[in-house]
Amino acid sequence: MKRTITVLALAGAVVTLAATAVPASATPSTQAPNSALAGCYNTGCNGRDPIDQGCTDAITTYSLSTSLGRLEHRYSSTCNASWARITGASAGTWFYVQTCYGPYVQTYNVPSSYASAYTDMVPGRDNIRVGNAVNHGPC
């Protein structure tokens, strides 16, 4: 099926583009499911902000309470990436997320006048640890 689209250029000239529609099933996908909705995927998410990147389908895979606040391991399947979130914390509280058997780690301090915060992302879901100065999750 052919479509013709007319576009007005800035100089006032008219440009005509022809596009051929291809059924989605005929085009093989090299991206992960829903990754087009996000700004990054897996290792490409390392060090990036999960909200800014559109990793909004996050779930909490585990949480743990510490004397410095409640820590959560957050995971987005759209981005295949993880981050730590802390709630009930004091400003300045340090916390982190890391891959247990890899080189990725992100740390963060809760900003002034906040009681919660989250780190940037590390790639993957499995073998991810979140922690703070007094406790950490499993690997």
Protein backbone atom coordinates (compact mmCIF):
# COMPACT_ATOMS: atom_id res chain seq x y z
CA MET A 1 0.00 0.00 0.00
CA LYS A 2 1.42 3.41 -0.94
CA ARG A 3 0.68 6.68 0.80
CA THR A 4 1.58 10.13 -0.42
CA ILE A 5 2.25 12.79 2.18
CA THR A 6 2.55 16.48 1.31
CA VAL A 7 4.80 18.55 3.59
CA LEU A 8 5.25 22.32 3.48
CA ALA A 9 8.90 23.33 3.76
CA LEU A 10 10.06 26.52 5.52
CA ALA A 11 10.88 28.29 2.25
CA GLY A 12 7.36 27.67 0.98
CA ALA A 13 8.30 24.88 -1.42
CA VAL A 14 6.13 21.78 -1.48
CA VAL A 15 7.86 18.44 -1.02
CA THR A 16 6.04 15.17 -1.73
CA LEU A 17 7.15 12.01 0.04
CA ALA A 18 6.05 8.52 -0.87
CA ALA A 19 5.90 5.91 1.86
CA THR A 20 5.24 2.23 1.56
CA ALA A 21 3.46 0.66 4.50
CA VAL A 22 4.94 -2.65 5.65
CA PRO A 23 2.97 -4.86 8.01
CA ALA A 24 4.61 -5.02 11.44
CA SER A 25 4.78 -8.82 11.23
CA ALA A 26 6.97 -8.57 8.12
CA THR A 27 9.66 -6.51 9.87
CA PRO A 28 11.88 -8.42 12.30
CA SER A 29 12.45 -6.65 15.60
CA THR A 30 15.92 -6.24 17.05
CA GLN A 31 14.72 -4.30 20.07
CA ALA A 32 13.35 -5.67 23.30
CA PRO A 33 9.58 -5.45 23.85
CA ASN A 34 8.45 -1.88 24.58
CA SER A 35 12.02 -0.54 24.39
CA ALA A 36 10.86 1.99 21.81
CA LEU A 37 8.87 3.61 24.61
CA ALA A 38 12.02 4.22 26.66
CA GLY A 39 15.16 6.24 26.09
CA CYS A 40 17.53 3.36 26.90
CA TYR A 41 17.81 -0.40 27.36
CA ASN A 42 20.02 -2.60 29.58
CA THR A 43 23.66 -1.39 29.61
CA GLY A 44 22.61 1.75 27.75
CA CYS A 45 20.70 2.77 30.89
CA ASN A 46 23.72 2.67 33.21
CA GLY A 47 24.02 5.99 35.02
CA ARG A 48 20.77 7.39 33.62
CA ASP A 49 17.72 8.69 35.46
CA PRO A 50 14.85 6.14 35.25
CA ILE A 51 12.11 8.78 35.12
CA ASP A 52 13.85 10.87 32.45
CA GLN A 53 14.36 7.72 30.35
CA GLY A 54 10.70 6.66 30.49
CA CYS A 55 11.23 3.52 32.58
CA THR A 56 7.84 4.04 34.21
CA ASP A 57 6.66 0.41 34.33
CA ALA A 58 8.79 -0.24 37.42
CA ILE A 59 8.02 -2.82 40.06
CA THR A 60 9.60 -3.34 43.47
CA THR A 61 11.35 -6.73 43.42
CA TYR A 62 12.29 -6.57 47.11
CA SER A 63 12.49 -4.07 49.94
CA LEU A 64 14.21 -3.87 53.26
CA SER A 65 13.80 -1.65 56.29
CA THR A 66 16.86 -0.14 57.91
CA SER A 67 17.37 2.42 60.66
CA LEU A 68 18.16 4.95 57.92
CA GLY A 69 15.05 4.36 55.81
CA ARG A 70 13.20 1.78 53.72
CA LEU A 71 15.17 0.63 50.66
CA GLU A 72 13.59 -0.81 47.52
CA HIS A 73 15.05 -2.55 44.50
CA ARG A 74 13.09 -1.09 41.56
CA TYR A 75 13.09 -2.80 38.15
CA SER A 76 11.73 -1.76 34.75
CA SER A 77 11.18 -4.49 32.16
CA THR A 78 10.82 -1.83 29.45
CA CYS A 79 14.37 -0.69 30.13
CA ASN A 80 15.73 -3.95 31.61
CA ALA A 81 17.38 -1.85 34.29
CA SER A 82 17.30 -1.42 38.07
CA TRP A 83 17.69 1.33 40.64
CA ALA A 84 17.37 1.88 44.37
CA ARG A 85 14.70 3.98 46.02
CA ILE A 86 14.71 5.07 49.65
CA THR A 87 11.78 6.44 51.67
CA GLY A 88 11.52 7.63 55.26
CA ALA A 89 15.12 8.83 55.18
CA SER A 90 16.84 12.00 56.35
CA ALA A 91 18.49 14.53 54.07
CA GLY A 92 22.06 13.47 53.34
CA THR A 93 21.41 9.71 53.74
CA TRP A 94 23.72 7.80 51.39
CA PHE A 95 22.41 4.72 49.55
CA TYR A 96 23.28 2.66 46.48
CA VAL A 97 22.39 0.06 43.85
CA GLN A 98 24.95 -2.32 42.36
CA THR A 99 25.27 -5.39 40.18
CA CYS A 100 26.60 -8.16 42.40
CA TYR A 101 28.95 -9.73 39.87
CA GLY A 102 29.56 -6.84 37.50
CA PRO A 103 31.16 -3.42 37.42
CA TYR A 104 28.01 -1.30 37.77
CA VAL A 105 27.22 0.79 40.86
CA GLN A 106 25.25 4.01 41.40
CA THR A 107 25.20 5.95 44.66
CA TYR A 108 23.11 8.88 45.80
CA ASN A 109 22.50 11.11 48.83
CA VAL A 110 18.97 12.19 49.77
CA PRO A 111 18.76 15.93 48.96
CA SER A 112 18.08 18.63 51.57
CA SER A 113 14.44 18.87 52.69
CA TYR A 114 13.57 15.48 51.14
CA ALA A 115 12.74 12.17 52.83
CA SER A 116 12.90 10.01 49.72
CA ALA A 117 15.04 9.70 46.62
CA TYR A 118 16.23 7.25 43.97
CA THR A 119 19.52 6.44 42.28
CA ASP A 120 20.37 6.36 38.62
CA MET A 121 20.09 2.95 36.95
CA VAL A 122 22.30 -0.10 36.55
CA PRO A 123 21.58 -2.72 33.85
CA GLY A 124 19.56 -5.88 34.44
CA ARG A 125 17.27 -7.34 37.06
CA ASP A 126 18.98 -10.37 38.59
CA ASN A 127 21.86 -10.24 41.06
CA ILE A 128 21.18 -6.62 41.98
CA ARG A 129 21.83 -5.33 45.49
CA VAL A 130 20.54 -2.16 47.12
CA GLY A 131 21.94 -0.89 50.39
CA ASN A 132 22.98 1.94 52.66
CA ALA A 133 25.52 2.48 55.43
CA VAL A 134 23.80 0.04 57.83
CA ASN A 135 22.38 -2.77 55.70
CA HIS A 136 22.06 -4.20 52.20
CA GLY A 137 19.94 -6.66 50.27
CA PRO A 138 20.94 -10.10 48.96
CA CYS A 139 23.02 -10.95 45.93
